[in-house]
N, C-alpha and C. Protein backbone atom coordinates (compact mmCIF):
# COMPACT_ATOMS: atom_id res chain seq x y z
N MET A 1 -72.72 90.90 63.17
CA MET A 1 -71.87 90.10 63.04
C MET A 1 -72.07 88.79 61.92
N ASN A 2 -71.42 88.34 61.02
CA ASN A 2 -71.92 87.59 60.00
C ASN A 2 -70.96 86.38 60.17
N LEU A 3 -71.57 85.24 60.22
CA LEU A 3 -70.95 83.81 60.51
C LEU A 3 -71.05 82.97 59.19
N THR A 4 -70.46 82.24 58.91
CA THR A 4 -70.38 81.24 57.77
C THR A 4 -69.88 79.96 58.54
N VAL A 5 -71.42 78.74 58.75
CA VAL A 5 -71.01 77.75 59.20
C VAL A 5 -70.57 76.60 58.72
N ASN A 6 -70.19 75.69 59.15
CA ASN A 6 -69.86 74.32 58.43
C ASN A 6 -71.00 73.73 58.34
N ASP A 7 -71.30 73.09 57.31
CA ASP A 7 -72.77 72.44 56.95
C ASP A 7 -73.14 71.46 57.99
N GLU A 8 -71.96 70.63 58.49
CA GLU A 8 -72.25 69.49 59.72
C GLU A 8 -72.65 70.17 60.99
N SER A 9 -72.20 71.34 61.22
CA SER A 9 -72.45 72.17 62.64
C SER A 9 -73.81 73.29 62.73
N LEU A 10 -74.38 73.24 61.44
CA LEU A 10 -75.28 73.83 61.63
C LEU A 10 -76.47 74.08 62.84
N GLU A 11 -77.07 72.82 63.00
CA GLU A 11 -77.92 72.62 63.74
C GLU A 11 -77.18 72.77 65.31
N GLU A 12 -76.11 72.35 65.27
CA GLU A 12 -75.32 72.75 66.79
C GLU A 12 -74.97 74.01 67.13
N VAL A 13 -74.83 74.70 66.16
CA VAL A 13 -74.54 76.22 66.45
C VAL A 13 -75.83 77.08 66.33
N LYS A 14 -77.15 76.85 66.00
CA LYS A 14 -78.25 77.28 66.27
C LYS A 14 -78.80 76.66 67.88
N LYS A 15 -78.66 75.46 67.98
CA LYS A 15 -78.87 75.23 69.39
C LYS A 15 -77.79 76.04 70.41
N TYR A 16 -76.65 76.25 70.05
CA TYR A 16 -75.64 76.87 70.89
C TYR A 16 -76.06 78.56 71.18
N PHE A 17 -76.38 78.58 70.08
CA PHE A 17 -77.08 80.39 70.37
C PHE A 17 -78.38 80.61 70.88
N LYS A 18 -79.12 79.73 70.72
CA LYS A 18 -80.48 79.61 71.76
C LYS A 18 -79.69 79.40 72.96
N GLU A 19 -78.63 78.65 73.43
CA GLU A 19 -78.65 78.57 74.96
C GLU A 19 -77.80 79.91 75.43
N ILE A 20 -76.80 80.72 74.65
CA ILE A 20 -76.09 81.83 75.14
C ILE A 20 -77.02 83.01 74.84
N LEU A 21 -77.81 83.43 73.97
CA LEU A 21 -78.64 84.71 73.57
C LEU A 21 -79.13 85.15 75.00
N PRO A 22 -80.00 84.18 75.64
CA PRO A 22 -80.25 84.72 76.80
C PRO A 22 -79.01 85.87 77.64
N ASP A 23 -78.16 84.94 77.74
CA ASP A 23 -77.29 86.06 78.51
C ASP A 23 -76.60 87.24 77.56
N THR A 24 -76.89 86.97 76.78
CA THR A 24 -76.49 88.41 75.95
C THR A 24 -77.20 89.53 76.32
N ARG A 25 -78.74 88.95 75.96
CA ARG A 25 -79.88 90.04 75.89
C ARG A 25 -80.13 90.59 77.46
N SER A 26 -79.15 89.55 78.45
CA SER A 26 -79.45 90.26 80.17
C SER A 26 -78.05 91.07 80.23
N PHE A 27 -76.89 90.84 79.38
CA PHE A 27 -75.89 91.67 79.51
C PHE A 27 -75.90 93.04 79.90
N GLU A 28 -75.42 93.92 80.53
CA GLU A 28 -75.65 95.12 80.89
C GLU A 28 -75.07 95.99 79.46
N GLY A 29 -75.99 96.46 79.19
CA GLY A 29 -75.90 97.85 77.98
C GLY A 29 -76.45 97.21 76.72
N CYS A 30 -76.58 95.95 76.69
CA CYS A 30 -77.40 95.06 75.38
C CYS A 30 -79.02 95.72 75.34
N GLN A 31 -79.44 96.34 74.35
CA GLN A 31 -80.65 96.42 74.29
C GLN A 31 -81.52 95.88 73.25
N GLY A 32 -80.91 94.67 72.63
CA GLY A 32 -81.52 93.43 72.10
C GLY A 32 -80.50 92.92 70.95
N VAL A 33 -80.96 91.92 70.88
CA VAL A 33 -79.90 90.81 70.05
C VAL A 33 -81.00 90.06 69.01
N GLN A 34 -80.42 89.72 68.03
CA GLN A 34 -81.12 88.61 66.96
C GLN A 34 -80.45 87.93 66.42
N LEU A 35 -80.72 86.45 65.92
CA LEU A 35 -80.16 85.80 65.05
C LEU A 35 -80.88 85.38 63.71
N TYR A 36 -80.23 85.76 62.52
CA TYR A 36 -80.88 85.74 61.60
C TYR A 36 -80.09 84.65 60.69
N GLU A 37 -81.08 83.89 59.97
CA GLU A 37 -80.45 82.80 58.50
C GLU A 37 -80.94 83.29 57.19
N SER A 38 -79.94 82.76 56.42
CA SER A 38 -79.96 83.40 55.32
C SER A 38 -80.94 82.45 54.51
N GLU A 39 -82.28 82.69 53.76
CA GLU A 39 -83.19 81.88 53.21
C GLU A 39 -82.37 81.46 52.07
N GLU A 40 -81.57 82.18 51.41
CA GLU A 40 -80.99 81.53 49.85
C GLU A 40 -79.88 80.37 50.58
N GLU A 41 -79.03 81.08 51.24
CA GLU A 41 -77.61 80.03 52.25
C GLU A 41 -77.89 79.60 53.73
N PRO A 42 -78.43 78.85 54.10
CA PRO A 42 -78.82 78.30 55.29
C PRO A 42 -77.54 78.74 56.44
N THR A 43 -76.17 78.12 55.76
CA THR A 43 -75.28 78.15 56.53
C THR A 43 -74.57 79.47 57.17
N LYS A 44 -75.39 81.00 56.15
CA LYS A 44 -74.87 81.99 56.35
C LYS A 44 -75.97 82.81 57.78
N LEU A 45 -75.17 82.69 59.05
CA LEU A 45 -75.90 83.46 59.73
C LEU A 45 -75.67 84.94 60.09
N THR A 46 -76.56 85.68 60.78
CA THR A 46 -76.24 87.27 61.10
C THR A 46 -76.75 87.42 62.60
N ILE A 47 -75.83 87.87 63.22
CA ILE A 47 -76.25 88.17 64.74
C ILE A 47 -76.31 90.00 64.62
N HIS A 48 -77.39 90.40 64.98
CA HIS A 48 -77.77 91.90 65.16
C HIS A 48 -77.88 91.98 66.45
N ALA A 49 -77.09 92.64 67.06
CA ALA A 49 -76.94 93.49 68.16
C ALA A 49 -77.05 95.02 68.26
N LYS A 50 -77.88 95.82 69.38
CA LYS A 50 -77.67 96.79 69.74
C LYS A 50 -77.43 97.43 70.99
N TRP A 51 -75.98 98.00 71.19
CA TRP A 51 -75.84 97.97 72.56
C TRP A 51 -75.95 99.67 72.67
N ILE A 52 -75.93 100.29 74.05
CA ILE A 52 -76.08 101.34 74.50
C ILE A 52 -74.87 102.30 74.34
N SER A 53 -73.78 101.68 74.06
CA SER A 53 -72.46 102.20 73.76
C SER A 53 -71.04 100.97 73.16
N LYS A 54 -70.53 101.83 72.75
CA LYS A 54 -69.34 100.95 72.14
C LYS A 54 -68.60 100.28 73.54
N GLU A 55 -68.43 101.04 74.73
CA GLU A 55 -67.68 100.53 75.78
C GLU A 55 -68.48 99.20 76.45
N ALA A 56 -69.81 99.36 76.21
CA ALA A 56 -70.35 98.23 76.59
C ALA A 56 -70.80 97.21 75.86
N GLN A 57 -70.46 97.40 74.48
CA GLN A 57 -70.03 96.14 73.56
C GLN A 57 -68.80 95.65 73.89
N LYS A 58 -67.76 96.39 73.87
CA LYS A 58 -66.56 95.92 74.16
C LYS A 58 -66.56 95.28 75.37
N LYS A 59 -67.12 95.37 76.66
CA LYS A 59 -66.99 94.54 77.75
C LYS A 59 -67.41 93.09 77.40
N TYR A 60 -68.81 93.41 76.66
CA TYR A 60 -69.74 91.93 76.22
C TYR A 60 -68.38 91.04 75.87
N ILE A 61 -67.71 91.82 74.70
CA ILE A 61 -66.77 91.01 73.55
C ILE A 61 -65.85 90.51 74.72
N GLU A 62 -65.20 91.49 75.53
CA GLU A 62 -64.34 90.47 76.24
C GLU A 62 -64.76 89.56 77.26
N TRP A 63 -65.87 89.37 77.88
CA TRP A 63 -66.34 88.90 78.54
C TRP A 63 -66.87 87.26 77.80
N ARG A 64 -67.23 87.42 76.56
CA ARG A 64 -67.30 86.12 76.02
C ARG A 64 -66.06 85.68 75.62
N MET A 65 -64.89 86.51 75.39
CA MET A 65 -63.25 85.84 75.25
C MET A 65 -63.20 84.97 76.56
N GLU A 66 -63.41 85.53 77.72
CA GLU A 66 -63.05 84.99 78.61
C GLU A 66 -63.53 83.78 79.34
N THR A 67 -64.75 83.69 78.55
CA THR A 67 -65.83 82.77 78.98
C THR A 67 -65.94 81.34 78.09
N GLY A 68 -64.85 81.66 76.79
CA GLY A 68 -64.50 80.39 76.07
C GLY A 68 -65.53 80.53 75.00
N THR A 69 -66.55 81.27 74.97
CA THR A 69 -67.53 81.04 73.90
C THR A 69 -67.07 81.09 72.66
N LEU A 70 -66.42 82.16 72.18
CA LEU A 70 -65.69 82.18 70.76
C LEU A 70 -65.08 80.87 70.54
N GLU A 71 -64.09 80.66 71.56
CA GLU A 71 -63.23 79.22 71.21
C GLU A 71 -64.24 78.09 70.68
N LYS A 72 -65.06 77.97 71.44
CA LYS A 72 -66.17 76.79 71.24
C LYS A 72 -66.63 77.00 70.10
N LEU A 73 -66.96 78.15 69.17
CA LEU A 73 -67.85 78.35 68.15
C LEU A 73 -66.78 78.23 66.86
N MET A 74 -65.42 78.78 67.07
CA MET A 74 -64.70 78.85 65.88
C MET A 74 -64.61 77.53 65.07
N PRO A 75 -64.40 76.50 65.85
CA PRO A 75 -64.40 74.96 64.95
C PRO A 75 -65.61 74.81 63.85
N MET A 76 -66.58 75.69 64.70
CA MET A 76 -67.85 75.30 63.94
C MET A 76 -68.05 76.21 62.34
N LEU A 77 -66.86 77.04 62.50
CA LEU A 77 -67.27 78.14 61.33
C LEU A 77 -66.26 77.73 60.43
N SER A 78 -66.64 78.26 59.03
CA SER A 78 -65.73 77.78 57.87
C SER A 78 -65.14 79.08 57.40
N ASP A 79 -65.35 80.25 58.15
CA ASP A 79 -64.70 81.30 57.90
C ASP A 79 -64.85 82.19 59.21
N PRO A 80 -63.92 82.99 59.33
CA PRO A 80 -63.74 83.95 60.97
C PRO A 80 -64.78 84.61 60.64
N PRO A 81 -65.27 85.36 62.09
CA PRO A 81 -66.47 85.77 61.76
C PRO A 81 -66.24 87.23 61.34
N ASN A 82 -67.23 87.91 60.90
CA ASN A 82 -67.25 89.34 60.07
C ASN A 82 -67.96 90.21 61.14
N MET A 83 -67.19 90.63 61.69
CA MET A 83 -67.81 91.83 62.72
C MET A 83 -67.74 93.17 62.20
N GLN A 84 -69.01 93.76 62.23
CA GLN A 84 -69.05 95.02 61.73
C GLN A 84 -69.98 95.88 62.60
N VAL A 85 -69.79 97.30 62.68
CA VAL A 85 -70.27 98.23 63.36
C VAL A 85 -70.99 99.42 62.96
N HIS A 86 -72.32 99.37 63.16
CA HIS A 86 -73.06 100.32 62.10
C HIS A 86 -73.40 101.27 63.27
N GLY A 87 -73.58 102.45 62.84
CA GLY A 87 -74.44 103.80 63.61
C GLY A 87 -75.57 103.75 62.78
N ILE A 88 -76.58 104.22 63.83
CA ILE A 88 -78.03 104.28 63.40
C ILE A 88 -78.12 105.73 62.85
N ILE A 89 -78.62 106.01 61.43
CA ILE A 89 -79.14 106.98 60.81
C ILE A 89 -80.48 107.41 60.87
N ASP A 90 -81.27 106.66 61.19
CA ASP A 90 -83.01 106.99 61.24
C ASP A 90 -83.77 106.14 62.15
N GLU A 91 -84.27 106.46 63.29
CA GLU A 91 -84.94 105.50 63.87
C GLU A 91 -86.29 105.83 63.88
């Protein structure tokens, strides 16, 4: 997922992800998740997560919506999140 963060919210967003990503990593079906920051544009963040199945990812997203995580994050973004799903070609 690609995120564009408001300049004034950047540090708060980074701190927020440090708080919530351990729960993501321990969520059933998560095989790993990392948060990346663009070196050219620090307000551009990318979350890369690997899931055992689309169903596991769907359950996770539903859980995050139920807990209000996305609701808290949205005001700190300058654009809506851009979520893309990719399949692995070669490991």
